Amino acid sequence: MGRDRRHVRVPESLHGRAFAAYNAIRNTAELGAFAAGGFLVAAIGPRGTLLYAGGLSALVGLIGLIALVRLKQEAPVTETAPVPPN
């Protein structure tokens, strides 16, 4: 398996604390999402909740795609070394 960034950026003596903190943040986010989903289902129904979640996900993906395209357009062009024949 590949190594996670936390393995490299956190001293080995603090791995347990770093992973516990990450897991606590992730669990809190999951509980918040679960509660928000329950609230939305009660407020606008299951279909509305799925439409909202899908539309929001698509919007975030579109914003990310636009940001990537803009970054690629603004990135300086660098020359690459020629690839030797095999």
PDB file of N, CA and C in Angstrom:
ATOM      1  N   MET A   1       0.823  -1.183   0.000  1.00  0.00           N
ATOM      2  CA  MET A   1       0.000   0.000   0.000  1.00  0.00           C
ATOM      3  C   MET A   1       0.864   1.243   0.000  1.00  0.00           C
ATOM      4  N   GLY A   2       0.374   2.298  -0.630  1.00  0.00           N
ATOM      5  CA  GLY A   2       1.093   3.557  -0.649  1.00  0.00           C
ATOM      6  C   GLY A   2       1.037   4.251   0.698  1.00  0.00           C
ATOM      7  N   ARG A   3       2.021   5.064   0.935  1.00  0.00           N
ATOM      8  CA  ARG A   3       2.067   5.783   2.213  1.00  0.00           C
ATOM      9  C   ARG A   3       1.250   7.054   2.122  1.00  0.00           C
ATOM     10  N   ASP A   4       0.575   7.338   3.181  1.00  0.00           N
ATOM     11  CA  ASP A   4      -0.247   8.525   3.312  1.00  0.00           C
ATOM     12  C   ASP A   4       0.647   9.714   3.634  1.00  0.00           C
ATOM     13  N   ARG A   5       0.191  10.917   3.312  1.00  0.00           N
ATOM     14  CA  ARG A   5       0.970  12.112   3.610  1.00  0.00           C
ATOM     15  C   ARG A   5       1.226  12.278   5.099  1.00  0.00           C
ATOM     16  N   ARG A   6       0.271  11.816   5.905  1.00  0.00           N
ATOM     17  CA  ARG A   6       0.449  11.928   7.353  1.00  0.00           C
ATOM     18  C   ARG A   6       1.640  11.120   7.830  1.00  0.00           C
ATOM     19  N   HIS A   7       1.966  10.018   7.155  1.00  0.00           N
ATOM     20  CA  HIS A   7       3.132   9.227   7.528  1.00  0.00           C
ATOM     21  C   HIS A   7       4.418  10.021   7.357  1.00  0.00           C
ATOM     22  N   VAL A   8       4.444  10.873   6.357  1.00  0.00           N
ATOM     23  CA  VAL A   8       5.655  11.614   6.031  1.00  0.00           C
ATOM     24  C   VAL A   8       5.755  12.906   6.825  1.00  0.00           C
ATOM     25  N   ARG A   9       4.655  13.613   7.017  1.00  0.00           N
ATOM     26  CA  ARG A   9       4.679  14.943   7.630  1.00  0.00           C
ATOM     27  C   ARG A   9       4.617  14.927   9.146  1.00  0.00           C
ATOM     28  N   VAL A  10       4.226  13.818   9.738  1.00  0.00           N
ATOM     29  CA  VAL A  10       4.087  13.741  11.195  1.00  0.00           C
ATOM     30  C   VAL A  10       5.218  12.863  11.733  1.00  0.00           C
ATOM     31  N   PRO A  11       5.913  13.324  12.766  1.00  0.00           N
ATOM     32  CA  PRO A  11       6.959  12.486  13.356  1.00  0.00           C
ATOM     33  C   PRO A  11       6.390  11.146  13.804  1.00  0.00           C
ATOM     34  N   GLU A  12       7.183  10.120  13.679  1.00  0.00           N
ATOM     35  CA  GLU A  12       6.709   8.763  13.972  1.00  0.00           C
ATOM     36  C   GLU A  12       6.183   8.633  15.398  1.00  0.00           C
ATOM     37  N   SER A  13       6.771   9.363  16.324  1.00  0.00           N
ATOM     38  CA  SER A  13       6.327   9.272  17.715  1.00  0.00           C
ATOM     39  C   SER A  13       4.920   9.843  17.918  1.00  0.00           C
ATOM     40  N   LEU A  14       4.429  10.639  16.966  1.00  0.00           N
ATOM     41  CA  LEU A  14       3.099  11.255  17.088  1.00  0.00           C
ATOM     42  C   LEU A  14       2.068  10.648  16.141  1.00  0.00           C
ATOM     43  N   HIS A  15       2.395   9.541  15.476  1.00  0.00           N
ATOM     44  CA  HIS A  15       1.454   8.928  14.528  1.00  0.00           C
ATOM     45  C   HIS A  15       0.129   8.584  15.187  1.00  0.00           C
ATOM     46  N   GLY A  16       0.152   8.018  16.387  1.00  0.00           N
ATOM     47  CA  GLY A  16      -1.088   7.632  17.053  1.00  0.00           C
ATOM     48  C   GLY A  16      -1.994   8.825  17.298  1.00  0.00           C
ATOM     49  N   ARG A  17      -1.414   9.904  17.786  1.00  0.00           N
ATOM     50  CA  ARG A  17      -2.209  11.115  18.047  1.00  0.00           C
ATOM     51  C   ARG A  17      -2.733  11.727  16.754  1.00  0.00           C
ATOM     52  N   ALA A  18      -1.890  11.749  15.731  1.00  0.00           N
ATOM     53  CA  ALA A  18      -2.305  12.349  14.458  1.00  0.00           C
ATOM     54  C   ALA A  18      -3.451  11.560  13.842  1.00  0.00           C
ATOM     55  N   PHE A  19      -3.367  10.240  13.849  1.00  0.00           N
ATOM     56  CA  PHE A  19      -4.430   9.429  13.269  1.00  0.00           C
ATOM     57  C   PHE A  19      -5.693   9.495  14.117  1.00  0.00           C
ATOM     58  N   ALA A  20      -5.553   9.591  15.436  1.00  0.00           N
ATOM     59  CA  ALA A  20      -6.730   9.726  16.298  1.00  0.00           C
ATOM     60  C   ALA A  20      -7.432  11.061  16.040  1.00  0.00           C
ATOM     61  N   ALA A  21      -6.662  12.126  15.876  1.00  0.00           N
ATOM     62  CA  ALA A  21      -7.256  13.438  15.596  1.00  0.00           C
ATOM     63  C   ALA A  21      -7.960  13.430  14.243  1.00  0.00           C
ATOM     64  N   TYR A  22      -7.316  12.851  13.236  1.00  0.00           N
ATOM     65  CA  TYR A  22      -7.923  12.763  11.904  1.00  0.00           C
ATOM     66  C   TYR A  22      -9.223  11.964  11.969  1.00  0.00           C
ATOM     67  N   ASN A  23      -9.194  10.839  12.685  1.00  0.00           N
ATOM     68  CA  ASN A  23     -10.377  10.000  12.780  1.00  0.00           C
ATOM     69  C   ASN A  23     -11.507  10.716  13.519  1.00  0.00           C
ATOM     70  N   ALA A  24     -11.176  11.491  14.541  1.00  0.00           N
ATOM     71  CA  ALA A  24     -12.198  12.249  15.263  1.00  0.00           C
ATOM     72  C   ALA A  24     -12.851  13.286  14.357  1.00  0.00           C
ATOM     73  N   ILE A  25     -12.053  13.965  13.552  1.00  0.00           N
ATOM     74  CA  ILE A  25     -12.596  14.962  12.623  1.00  0.00           C
ATOM     75  C   ILE A  25     -13.483  14.286  11.589  1.00  0.00           C
ATOM     76  N   ARG A  26     -13.023  13.158  11.076  1.00  0.00           N
ATOM     77  CA  ARG A  26     -13.806  12.436  10.063  1.00  0.00           C
ATOM     78  C   ARG A  26     -15.117  11.927  10.639  1.00  0.00           C
ATOM     79  N   ASN A  27     -15.072  11.367  11.850  1.00  0.00           N
ATOM     80  CA  ASN A  27     -16.301  10.870  12.477  1.00  0.00           C
ATOM     81  C   ASN A  27     -17.279  12.005  12.758  1.00  0.00           C
ATOM     82  N   THR A  28     -16.777  13.154  13.181  1.00  0.00           N
ATOM     83  CA  THR A  28     -17.641  14.308  13.425  1.00  0.00           C
ATOM     84  C   THR A  28     -18.312  14.755  12.133  1.00  0.00           C
ATOM     85  N   ALA A  29     -17.551  14.785  11.042  1.00  0.00           N
ATOM     86  CA  ALA A  29     -18.125  15.167   9.755  1.00  0.00           C
ATOM     87  C   ALA A  29     -19.196  14.166   9.314  1.00  0.00           C
ATOM     88  N   GLU A  30     -18.947  12.880   9.527  1.00  0.00           N
ATOM     89  CA  GLU A  30     -19.931  11.858   9.159  1.00  0.00           C
ATOM     90  C   GLU A  30     -21.215  12.006   9.980  1.00  0.00           C
ATOM     91  N   LEU A  31     -21.078  12.250  11.281  1.00  0.00           N
ATOM     92  CA  LEU A  31     -22.268  12.437  12.115  1.00  0.00           C
ATOM     93  C   LEU A  31     -23.038  13.686  11.705  1.00  0.00           C
ATOM     94  N   GLY A  32     -22.316  14.757  11.385  1.00  0.00           N
ATOM     95  CA  GLY A  32     -22.966  15.978  10.915  1.00  0.00           C
ATOM     96  C   GLY A  32     -23.715  15.751   9.612  1.00  0.00           C
ATOM     97  N   ALA A  33     -23.094  15.019   8.704  1.00  0.00           N
ATOM     98  CA  ALA A  33     -23.746  14.720   7.426  1.00  0.00           C
ATOM     99  C   ALA A  33     -24.976  13.829   7.632  1.00  0.00           C
ATOM    100  N   PHE A  34     -24.861  12.877   8.542  1.00  0.00           N
ATOM    101  CA  PHE A  34     -25.991  11.997   8.848  1.00  0.00           C
ATOM    102  C   PHE A  34     -27.160  12.805   9.408  1.00  0.00           C
ATOM    103  N   ALA A  35     -26.855  13.713  10.324  1.00  0.00           N
ATOM    104  CA  ALA A  35     -27.900  14.560  10.915  1.00  0.00           C
ATOM    105  C   ALA A  35     -28.514  15.490   9.867  1.00  0.00           C
ATOM    106  N   ALA A  36     -27.668  16.093   9.032  1.00  0.00           N
ATOM    107  CA  ALA A  36     -28.172  16.983   7.982  1.00  0.00           C
ATOM    108  C   ALA A  36     -29.044  16.217   6.992  1.00  0.00           C
ATOM    109  N   GLY A  37     -28.640  14.998   6.665  1.00  0.00           N
ATOM    110  CA  GLY A  37     -29.440  14.178   5.759  1.00  0.00           C
ATOM    111  C   GLY A  37     -30.801  13.850   6.364  1.00  0.00           C
ATOM    112  N   GLY A  38     -30.809  13.514   7.638  1.00  0.00           N
ATOM    113  CA  GLY A  38     -32.079  13.237   8.311  1.00  0.00           C
ATOM    114  C   GLY A  38     -32.977  14.461   8.341  1.00  0.00           C
ATOM    115  N   PHE A  39     -32.397  15.609   8.622  1.00  0.00           N
ATOM    116  CA  PHE A  39     -33.164  16.853   8.628  1.00  0.00           C
ATOM    117  C   PHE A  39     -33.737  17.137   7.239  1.00  0.00           C
ATOM    118  N   LEU A  40     -32.915  16.971   6.198  1.00  0.00           N
ATOM    119  CA  LEU A  40     -33.391  17.246   4.839  1.00  0.00           C
ATOM    120  C   LEU A  40     -34.497  16.285   4.421  1.00  0.00           C
ATOM    121  N   VAL A  41     -34.363  15.005   4.775  1.00  0.00           N
ATOM    122  CA  VAL A  41     -35.405  14.038   4.422  1.00  0.00           C
ATOM    123  C   VAL A  41     -36.717  14.415   5.103  1.00  0.00           C
ATOM    124  N   ALA A  42     -36.623  14.835   6.359  1.00  0.00           N
ATOM    125  CA  ALA A  42     -37.842  15.241   7.066  1.00  0.00           C
ATOM    126  C   ALA A  42     -38.416  16.534   6.491  1.00  0.00           C
ATOM    127  N   ALA A  43     -37.549  17.445   6.046  1.00  0.00           N
ATOM    128  CA  ALA A  43     -38.007  18.758   5.583  1.00  0.00           C
ATOM    129  C   ALA A  43     -38.513  18.726   4.137  1.00  0.00           C
ATOM    130  N   ILE A  44     -37.776  18.091   3.234  1.00  0.00           N
ATOM    131  CA  ILE A  44     -38.149  18.154   1.813  1.00  0.00           C
ATOM    132  C   ILE A  44     -38.393  16.785   1.187  1.00  0.00           C
ATOM    133  N   GLY A  45     -38.275  15.717   1.976  1.00  0.00           N
ATOM    134  CA  GLY A  45     -38.551  14.379   1.468  1.00  0.00           C
ATOM    135  C   GLY A  45     -37.330  13.724   0.855  1.00  0.00           C
ATOM    136  N   PRO A  46     -37.430  12.408   0.629  1.00  0.00           N
ATOM    137  CA  PRO A  46     -36.289  11.665   0.099  1.00  0.00           C
ATOM    138  C   PRO A  46     -35.871  12.089  -1.311  1.00  0.00           C
ATOM    139  N   ARG A  47     -36.845  12.305  -2.187  1.00  0.00           N
ATOM    140  CA  ARG A  47     -36.500  12.700  -3.567  1.00  0.00           C
ATOM    141  C   ARG A  47     -35.836  14.061  -3.598  1.00  0.00           C
ATOM    142  N   GLY A  48     -36.386  14.993  -2.839  1.00  0.00           N
ATOM    143  CA  GLY A  48     -35.798  16.328  -2.784  1.00  0.00           C
ATOM    144  C   GLY A  48     -34.387  16.299  -2.212  1.00  0.00           C
ATOM    145  N   THR A  49     -34.185  15.444  -1.200  1.00  0.00           N
ATOM    146  CA  THR A  49     -32.861  15.325  -0.594  1.00  0.00           C
ATOM    147  C   THR A  49     -31.861  14.781  -1.609  1.00  0.00           C
ATOM    148  N   LEU A  50     -32.246  13.743  -2.347  1.00  0.00           N
ATOM    149  CA  LEU A  50     -31.341  13.180  -3.360  1.00  0.00           C
ATOM    150  C   LEU A  50     -31.070  14.185  -4.476  1.00  0.00           C
ATOM    151  N   LEU A  51     -32.089  14.920  -4.874  1.00  0.00           N
ATOM    152  CA  LEU A  51     -31.901  15.940  -5.903  1.00  0.00           C
ATOM    153  C   LEU A  51     -30.956  17.028  -5.409  1.00  0.00           C
ATOM    154  N   TYR A  52     -31.158  17.473  -4.174  1.00  0.00           N
ATOM    155  CA  TYR A  52     -30.298  18.500  -3.584  1.00  0.00           C
ATOM    156  C   TYR A  52     -28.859  18.007  -3.479  1.00  0.00           C
ATOM    157  N   ALA A  53     -28.672  16.790  -2.942  1.00  0.00           N
ATOM    158  CA  ALA A  53     -27.322  16.248  -2.762  1.00  0.00           C
ATOM    159  C   ALA A  53     -26.623  16.033  -4.110  1.00  0.00           C
ATOM    160  N   GLY A  54     -27.353  15.497  -5.077  1.00  0.00           N
ATOM    161  CA  GLY A  54     -26.771  15.277  -6.398  1.00  0.00           C
ATOM    162  C   GLY A  54     -26.446  16.576  -7.107  1.00  0.00           C
ATOM    163  N   GLY A  55     -27.355  17.538  -7.021  1.00  0.00           N
ATOM    164  CA  GLY A  55     -27.114  18.838  -7.653  1.00  0.00           C
ATOM    165  C   GLY A  55     -25.953  19.575  -7.019  1.00  0.00           C
ATOM    166  N   LEU A  56     -25.872  19.522  -5.693  1.00  0.00           N
ATOM    167  CA  LEU A  56     -24.762  20.171  -4.997  1.00  0.00           C
ATOM    168  C   LEU A  56     -23.439  19.509  -5.353  1.00  0.00           C
ATOM    169  N   SER A  57     -23.417  18.187  -5.416  1.00  0.00           N
ATOM    170  CA  SER A  57     -22.196  17.468  -5.799  1.00  0.00           C
ATOM    171  C   SER A  57     -21.770  17.827  -7.226  1.00  0.00           C
ATOM    172  N   ALA A  58     -22.739  17.890  -8.122  1.00  0.00           N
ATOM    173  CA  ALA A  58     -22.432  18.256  -9.508  1.00  0.00           C
ATOM    174  C   ALA A  58     -21.896  19.684  -9.592  1.00  0.00           C
ATOM    175  N   LEU A  59     -22.483  20.588  -8.814  1.00  0.00           N
ATOM    176  CA  LEU A  59     -22.016  21.973  -8.807  1.00  0.00           C
ATOM    177  C   LEU A  59     -20.583  22.074  -8.294  1.00  0.00           C
ATOM    178  N   VAL A  60     -20.273  21.374  -7.208  1.00  0.00           N
ATOM    179  CA  VAL A  60     -18.906  21.388  -6.670  1.00  0.00           C
ATOM    180  C   VAL A  60     -17.933  20.788  -7.683  1.00  0.00           C
ATOM    181  N   GLY A  61     -18.335  19.707  -8.346  1.00  0.00           N
ATOM    182  CA  GLY A  61     -17.486  19.114  -9.378  1.00  0.00           C
ATOM    183  C   GLY A  61     -17.241  20.063 -10.539  1.00  0.00           C
ATOM    184  N   LEU A  62     -18.279  20.772 -10.957  1.00  0.00           N
ATOM    185  CA  LEU A  62     -18.139  21.746 -12.048  1.00  0.00           C
ATOM    186  C   LEU A  62     -17.211  22.883 -11.652  1.00  0.00           C
ATOM    187  N   ILE A  63     -17.347  23.378 -10.425  1.00  0.00           N
ATOM    188  CA  ILE A  63     -16.457  24.441  -9.946  1.00  0.00           C
ATOM    189  C   ILE A  63     -15.016  23.945  -9.917  1.00  0.00           C
ATOM    190  N   GLY A  64     -14.806  22.726  -9.454  1.00  0.00           N
ATOM    191  CA  GLY A  64     -13.458  22.151  -9.448  1.00  0.00           C
ATOM    192  C   GLY A  64     -12.893  22.000 -10.852  1.00  0.00           C
ATOM    193  N   LEU A  65     -13.728  21.572 -11.791  1.00  0.00           N
ATOM    194  CA  LEU A  65     -13.288  21.425 -13.175  1.00  0.00           C
ATOM    195  C   LEU A  65     -12.902  22.772 -13.781  1.00  0.00           C
ATOM    196  N   ILE A  66     -13.704  23.779 -13.522  1.00  0.00           N
ATOM    197  CA  ILE A  66     -13.385  25.125 -14.017  1.00  0.00           C
ATOM    198  C   ILE A  66     -12.073  25.613 -13.412  1.00  0.00           C
ATOM    199  N   ALA A  67     -11.876  25.384 -12.115  1.00  0.00           N
ATOM    200  CA  ALA A  67     -10.634  25.796 -11.464  1.00  0.00           C
ATOM    201  C   ALA A  67      -9.435  25.080 -12.074  1.00  0.00           C
ATOM    202  N   LEU A  68      -9.566  23.791 -12.349  1.00  0.00           N
ATOM    203  CA  LEU A  68      -8.462  23.050 -12.967  1.00  0.00           C
ATOM    204  C   LEU A  68      -8.143  23.562 -14.363  1.00  0.00           C
ATOM    205  N   VAL A  69      -9.175  23.840 -15.139  1.00  0.00           N
ATOM    206  CA  VAL A  69      -8.953  24.352 -16.494  1.00  0.00           C
ATOM    207  C   VAL A  69      -8.247  25.701 -16.435  1.00  0.00           C
ATOM    208  N   ARG A  70      -8.674  26.565 -15.533  1.00  0.00           N
ATOM    209  CA  ARG A  70      -8.022  27.874 -15.398  1.00  0.00           C
ATOM    210  C   ARG A  70      -6.579  27.738 -14.955  1.00  0.00           C
ATOM    211  N   LEU A  71      -6.315  26.830 -14.007  1.00  0.00           N
ATOM    212  CA  LEU A  71      -4.941  26.623 -13.560  1.00  0.00           C
ATOM    213  C   LEU A  71      -4.078  26.097 -14.692  1.00  0.00           C
ATOM    214  N   LYS A  72      -4.640  25.214 -15.492  1.00  0.00           N
ATOM    215  CA  LYS A  72      -3.873  24.649 -16.611  1.00  0.00           C
ATOM    216  C   LYS A  72      -3.579  25.722 -17.649  1.00  0.00           C
ATOM    217  N   GLN A  73      -4.508  26.630 -17.877  1.00  0.00           N
ATOM    218  CA  GLN A  73      -4.294  27.712 -18.833  1.00  0.00           C
ATOM    219  C   GLN A  73      -3.244  28.699 -18.336  1.00  0.00           C
ATOM    220  N   GLU A  74      -3.187  28.918 -17.026  1.00  0.00           N
ATOM    221  CA  GLU A  74      -2.255  29.876 -16.463  1.00  0.00           C
ATOM    222  C   GLU A  74      -0.885  29.273 -16.182  1.00  0.00           C
ATOM    223  N   ALA A  75      -0.762  27.961 -16.211  1.00  0.00           N
ATOM    224  CA  ALA A  75       0.498  27.309 -15.883  1.00  0.00           C
ATOM    225  C   ALA A  75       1.537  27.623 -16.960  1.00  0.00           C
ATOM    226  N   PRO A  76       2.782  27.900 -16.550  1.00  0.00           N
ATOM    227  CA  PRO A  76       3.820  28.166 -17.542  1.00  0.00           C
ATOM    228  C   PRO A  76       4.166  26.894 -18.312  1.00  0.00           C
ATOM    229  N   VAL A  77       4.469  27.080 -19.567  1.00  0.00           N
ATOM    230  CA  VAL A  77       4.834  25.958 -20.414  1.00  0.00           C
ATOM    231  C   VAL A  77       6.315  25.690 -20.223  1.00  0.00           C
ATOM    232  N   THR A  78       6.648  24.464 -19.892  1.00  0.00           N
ATOM    233  CA  THR A  78       8.052  24.082 -19.736  1.00  0.00           C
ATOM    234  C   THR A  78       8.398  23.046 -20.786  1.00  0.00           C
ATOM    235  N   GLU A  79       9.637  23.097 -21.215  1.00  0.00           N
ATOM    236  CA  GLU A  79      10.072  22.120 -22.210  1.00  0.00           C
ATOM    237  C   GLU A  79      10.405  20.818 -21.501  1.00  0.00           C
ATOM    238  N   THR A  80      10.087  19.725 -22.159  1.00  0.00           N
ATOM    239  CA  THR A  80      10.407  18.414 -21.605  1.00  0.00           C
ATOM    240  C   THR A  80      11.566  17.823 -22.380  1.00  0.00           C
ATOM    241  N   ALA A  81      12.305  16.982 -21.724  1.00  0.00           N
ATOM    242  CA  ALA A  81      13.429  16.309 -22.386  1.00  0.00           C
ATOM    243  C   ALA A  81      12.880  15.281 -23.361  1.00  0.00           C
ATOM    244  N   PRO A  82      13.559  15.109 -24.497  1.00  0.00           N
ATOM    245  CA  PRO A  82      13.085  14.102 -25.451  1.00  0.00           C
ATOM    246  C   PRO A  82      13.175  12.714 -24.851  1.00  0.00           C
ATOM    247  N   VAL A  83      12.186  11.870 -25.189  1.00  0.00           N
ATOM    248  CA  VAL A  83      12.154  10.509 -24.692  1.00  0.00           C
ATOM    249  C   VAL A  83      13.024   9.648 -25.605  1.00  0.00           C
ATOM    250  N   PRO A  84      14.024   8.936 -25.037  1.00  0.00           N
ATOM    251  CA  PRO A  84      14.864   8.098 -25.884  1.00  0.00           C
ATOM    252  C   PRO A  84      14.079   6.911 -26.407  1.00  0.00           C
ATOM    253  N   PRO A  85      14.387   6.472 -27.641  1.00  0.00           N
ATOM    254  CA  PRO A  85      13.677   5.303 -28.197  1.00  0.00           C
ATOM    255  C   PRO A  85      14.036   4.041 -27.440  1.00  0.00           C
ATOM    256  N   ASN A  86      13.083   3.101 -27.406  1.00  0.00           N
ATOM    257  CA  ASN A  86      13.331   1.828 -26.701  1.00  0.00           C
ATOM    258  C   ASN A  86      14.105   0.876 -27.548  1.00  0.00           C
TER     259      ASN A  86
END
